[in-house]
Every structure is written in structure tokens, then in C-alpha cells.
Amino acid sequence: ARINASAAVRYLQVLGRVAEAVDAADTLLAEVDACGGWDDSLDGAFDPPFNLYCALAPLGDSRAAALLEAAYRGLCRQAELMADHVPREEFICSTVSARGVCAAWAAAQAGDNGRAR
């Protein structure tokens, strides 16, 4: 459910329906907080926070940095879980989303306020 809800937030923002996107993000983030935060052990755990990051970062939302951190942490955890099957670097570069997380993380670490597009 989080993957779909986070994708909807991203699409709403891209479509220019910013208020709806922020409202939907607020709702999803309240749910995540009520459940104790992001669960790094779930398959695809990095996609929901990355979708929210992609929607909120261009708006200058103060939560974007924490979302990117959660996405990167989730991606690294997934890479660890898959290490017996796929080398870490190959896993991290294997999908558009994973590459996007890495690019945004690298830009943020370089101080570029990396915003995924």
C-alpha cells in the first residue's frame, strides 16, 4: 500500500496538483510514524521514501532530507539482503529507482541539495 500511496504523491506533484500531493504525503508520513518509521527489511523498502523525496524535494519541503536518508538506508539494506545472489554494486545499479536514490544521495552528500528528477 505504501508503494502505491507514495507513487500517487509523486504523480500528483508532477501533474502540478501540489496541495493534493502534500496532503497525501502528510497522510502517508503520519501512517509511517504511527507504525514506528520506515521498515528497511521489506522488499522495495527504498521506493516509498524515495517517491516522497522526489515529490517533496522540489518544493523545498524540510522532510526531504530525512526521506532521502531513509531511501538510501533501505536500498543499502536490500543490497545486503541480496548479497548472496547479486553483488552489491550490481544490485544498487539494477533499477531506475535504485540508480535515482544513489544519484540523489551522492548529490546531497556533495552539498548539491541533490533533487531527483
C-alpha atoms as a PDB file:
ATOM      1  CA  ALA A   1       0.000   0.000   0.000  1.00  0.00           C
ATOM      2  CA  ARG A   2       2.832   2.417   0.771  1.00  0.00           C
ATOM      3  CA  ILE A   3       4.370   1.958  -2.653  1.00  0.00           C
ATOM      4  CA  ASN A   4       1.090   2.896  -4.335  1.00  0.00           C
ATOM      5  CA  ALA A   5       0.379   5.785  -1.978  1.00  0.00           C
ATOM      6  CA  SER A   6       3.885   7.178  -2.400  1.00  0.00           C
ATOM      7  CA  ALA A   7       3.714   6.828  -6.190  1.00  0.00           C
ATOM      8  CA  ALA A   8       0.411   8.730  -6.166  1.00  0.00           C
ATOM      9  CA  VAL A   9       2.101  11.558  -4.240  1.00  0.00           C
ATOM     10  CA  ARG A  10       4.866  11.711  -6.816  1.00  0.00           C
ATOM     11  CA  TYR A  11       2.421  11.739  -9.743  1.00  0.00           C
ATOM     12  CA  LEU A  12       0.237  14.413  -8.149  1.00  0.00           C
ATOM     13  CA  GLN A  13       3.269  16.665  -7.679  1.00  0.00           C
ATOM     14  CA  VAL A  14       4.431  16.135 -11.269  1.00  0.00           C
ATOM     15  CA  LEU A  15       0.923  16.920 -12.509  1.00  0.00           C
ATOM     16  CA  GLY A  16       1.037  20.241 -10.656  1.00  0.00           C
ATOM     17  CA  ARG A  17      -1.500  19.189  -8.044  1.00  0.00           C
ATOM     18  CA  VAL A  18       0.865  20.282  -5.301  1.00  0.00           C
ATOM     19  CA  ALA A  19      -1.613  20.795  -2.467  1.00  0.00           C
ATOM     20  CA  GLU A  20      -3.054  17.321  -3.028  1.00  0.00           C
ATOM     21  CA  ALA A  21       0.439  15.841  -3.183  1.00  0.00           C
ATOM     22  CA  VAL A  22       1.456  17.451   0.106  1.00  0.00           C
ATOM     23  CA  ASP A  23      -1.792  16.360   1.781  1.00  0.00           C
ATOM     24  CA  ALA A  24      -1.297  12.788   0.572  1.00  0.00           C
ATOM     25  CA  ALA A  25       2.344  12.858   1.714  1.00  0.00           C
ATOM     26  CA  ASP A  26       1.276  14.148   5.131  1.00  0.00           C
ATOM     27  CA  THR A  27      -1.219  11.288   5.444  1.00  0.00           C
ATOM     28  CA  LEU A  28       1.316   8.645   4.435  1.00  0.00           C
ATOM     29  CA  LEU A  29       4.045  10.053   6.670  1.00  0.00           C
ATOM     30  CA  ALA A  30       1.628  10.106   9.639  1.00  0.00           C
ATOM     31  CA  GLU A  31       0.898   6.415   8.973  1.00  0.00           C
ATOM     32  CA  VAL A  32       4.617   5.618   8.766  1.00  0.00           C
ATOM     33  CA  ASP A  33       5.267   7.475  12.028  1.00  0.00           C
ATOM     34  CA  ALA A  34       2.382   5.656  13.736  1.00  0.00           C
ATOM     35  CA  CYS A  35       3.972   2.340  12.699  1.00  0.00           C
ATOM     36  CA  GLY A  36       7.378   3.294  14.080  1.00  0.00           C
ATOM     37  CA  GLY A  37       9.021   4.573  10.904  1.00  0.00           C
ATOM     38  CA  TRP A  38      10.268   3.013   7.696  1.00  0.00           C
ATOM     39  CA  ASP A  39      10.989  -0.731   7.764  1.00  0.00           C
ATOM     40  CA  ASP A  40      14.304  -1.305   5.987  1.00  0.00           C
ATOM     41  CA  SER A  41      13.793  -5.064   5.832  1.00  0.00           C
ATOM     42  CA  LEU A  42      10.846  -5.066   3.440  1.00  0.00           C
ATOM     43  CA  ASP A  43      11.293  -5.752  -0.266  1.00  0.00           C
ATOM     44  CA  GLY A  44      11.409  -2.464  -2.117  1.00  0.00           C
ATOM     45  CA  ALA A  45      11.664  -0.581   1.159  1.00  0.00           C
ATOM     46  CA  PHE A  46      13.500   2.276  -0.526  1.00  0.00           C
ATOM     47  CA  ASP A  47      10.820   3.086  -3.113  1.00  0.00           C
ATOM     48  CA  PRO A  48       8.162   4.744  -0.903  1.00  0.00           C
ATOM     49  CA  PRO A  49      10.506   7.199   0.837  1.00  0.00           C
ATOM     50  CA  PHE A  50      12.237   7.901  -2.481  1.00  0.00           C
ATOM     51  CA  ASN A  51       8.906   8.623  -4.181  1.00  0.00           C
ATOM     52  CA  LEU A  52       8.061  11.060  -1.393  1.00  0.00           C
ATOM     53  CA  TYR A  53      11.513  12.603  -1.613  1.00  0.00           C
ATOM     54  CA  CYS A  54      11.103  13.110  -5.374  1.00  0.00           C
ATOM     55  CA  ALA A  55       7.769  14.835  -4.806  1.00  0.00           C
ATOM     56  CA  LEU A  56       8.718  16.981  -1.813  1.00  0.00           C
ATOM     57  CA  ALA A  57      12.341  17.976  -2.512  1.00  0.00           C
ATOM     58  CA  PRO A  58      11.460  20.237  -5.468  1.00  0.00           C
ATOM     59  CA  LEU A  59       9.002  22.005  -3.160  1.00  0.00           C
ATOM     60  CA  GLY A  60      11.730  22.744  -0.616  1.00  0.00           C
ATOM     61  CA  ASP A  61       9.966  20.575   1.979  1.00  0.00           C
ATOM     62  CA  SER A  62      12.106  20.217   5.097  1.00  0.00           C
ATOM     63  CA  ARG A  63      11.284  16.490   5.327  1.00  0.00           C
ATOM     64  CA  ALA A  64      13.009  15.681   2.032  1.00  0.00           C
ATOM     65  CA  ALA A  65      16.480  15.082   3.517  1.00  0.00           C
ATOM     66  CA  ALA A  66      15.162  12.530   6.016  1.00  0.00           C
ATOM     67  CA  LEU A  67      13.205  10.805   3.252  1.00  0.00           C
ATOM     68  CA  LEU A  68      16.305  10.542   1.086  1.00  0.00           C
ATOM     69  CA  GLU A  69      18.238   9.145   4.038  1.00  0.00           C
ATOM     70  CA  ALA A  70      15.507   6.539   4.644  1.00  0.00           C
ATOM     71  CA  ALA A  71      15.509   5.612   0.957  1.00  0.00           C
ATOM     72  CA  TYR A  72      19.285   5.211   0.859  1.00  0.00           C
ATOM     73  CA  ARG A  73      19.315   3.217   4.101  1.00  0.00           C
ATOM     74  CA  GLY A  74      16.565   0.954   2.713  1.00  0.00           C
ATOM     75  CA  LEU A  75      18.448   0.462  -0.553  1.00  0.00           C
ATOM     76  CA  CYS A  76      21.636  -0.469   1.290  1.00  0.00           C
ATOM     77  CA  ARG A  77      19.709  -2.906   3.482  1.00  0.00           C
ATOM     78  CA  GLN A  78      18.156  -4.526   0.406  1.00  0.00           C
ATOM     79  CA  ALA A  79      21.605  -4.800  -1.174  1.00  0.00           C
ATOM     80  CA  GLU A  80      22.854  -6.571   1.960  1.00  0.00           C
ATOM     81  CA  LEU A  81      19.919  -8.980   1.897  1.00  0.00           C
ATOM     82  CA  MET A  82      20.549  -9.792  -1.770  1.00  0.00           C
ATOM     83  CA  ALA A  83      24.336 -10.081  -1.461  1.00  0.00           C
ATOM     84  CA  ASP A  84      24.299 -13.882  -1.672  1.00  0.00           C
ATOM     85  CA  HIS A  85      22.572 -13.645  -5.048  1.00  0.00           C
ATOM     86  CA  VAL A  86      23.623 -10.353  -6.610  1.00  0.00           C
ATOM     87  CA  PRO A  87      26.809  -8.381  -5.940  1.00  0.00           C
ATOM     88  CA  ARG A  88      26.031  -5.207  -4.002  1.00  0.00           C
ATOM     89  CA  GLU A  89      27.122  -2.766  -6.705  1.00  0.00           C
ATOM     90  CA  GLU A  90      25.140  -4.590  -9.354  1.00  0.00           C
ATOM     91  CA  PHE A  91      22.039  -4.593  -7.157  1.00  0.00           C
ATOM     92  CA  ILE A  92      22.379  -0.887  -6.404  1.00  0.00           C
ATOM     93  CA  CYS A  93      22.600  -0.083 -10.116  1.00  0.00           C
ATOM     94  CA  SER A  94      19.957  -2.580 -11.221  1.00  0.00           C
ATOM     95  CA  THR A  95      16.860  -0.375 -11.463  1.00  0.00           C
ATOM     96  CA  VAL A  96      15.966   3.187 -12.344  1.00  0.00           C
ATOM     97  CA  SER A  97      14.748   3.778  -8.778  1.00  0.00           C
ATOM     98  CA  ALA A  98      17.916   2.400  -7.215  1.00  0.00           C
ATOM     99  CA  ARG A  99      20.105   4.500  -9.503  1.00  0.00           C
ATOM    100  CA  GLY A 100      17.956   7.535  -8.692  1.00  0.00           C
ATOM    101  CA  VAL A 101      18.410   7.003  -4.957  1.00  0.00           C
ATOM    102  CA  CYS A 102      22.167   6.716  -5.410  1.00  0.00           C
ATOM    103  CA  ALA A 103      22.398   9.801  -7.629  1.00  0.00           C
ATOM    104  CA  ALA A 104      20.311  11.908  -5.247  1.00  0.00           C
ATOM    105  CA  TRP A 105      22.285  10.627  -2.251  1.00  0.00           C
ATOM    106  CA  ALA A 106      25.622  11.395  -3.932  1.00  0.00           C
ATOM    107  CA  ALA A 107      24.444  14.888  -4.879  1.00  0.00           C
ATOM    108  CA  ALA A 108      23.214  15.539  -1.344  1.00  0.00           C
ATOM    109  CA  GLN A 109      26.498  14.322   0.130  1.00  0.00           C
ATOM    110  CA  ALA A 110      28.363  16.632  -2.247  1.00  0.00           C
ATOM    111  CA  GLY A 111      26.270  19.528  -1.000  1.00  0.00           C
ATOM    112  CA  ASP A 112      24.350  19.953  -4.230  1.00  0.00           C
ATOM    113  CA  ASN A 113      20.987  19.595  -2.491  1.00  0.00           C
ATOM    114  CA  GLY A 114      20.537  16.746  -4.960  1.00  0.00           C
ATOM    115  CA  ARG A 115      16.991  16.572  -6.158  1.00  0.00           C
ATOM    116  CA  ALA A 116      15.894  13.563  -8.123  1.00  0.00           C
ATOM    117  CA  ARG A 117      14.010  14.342 -11.278  1.00  0.00           C
END
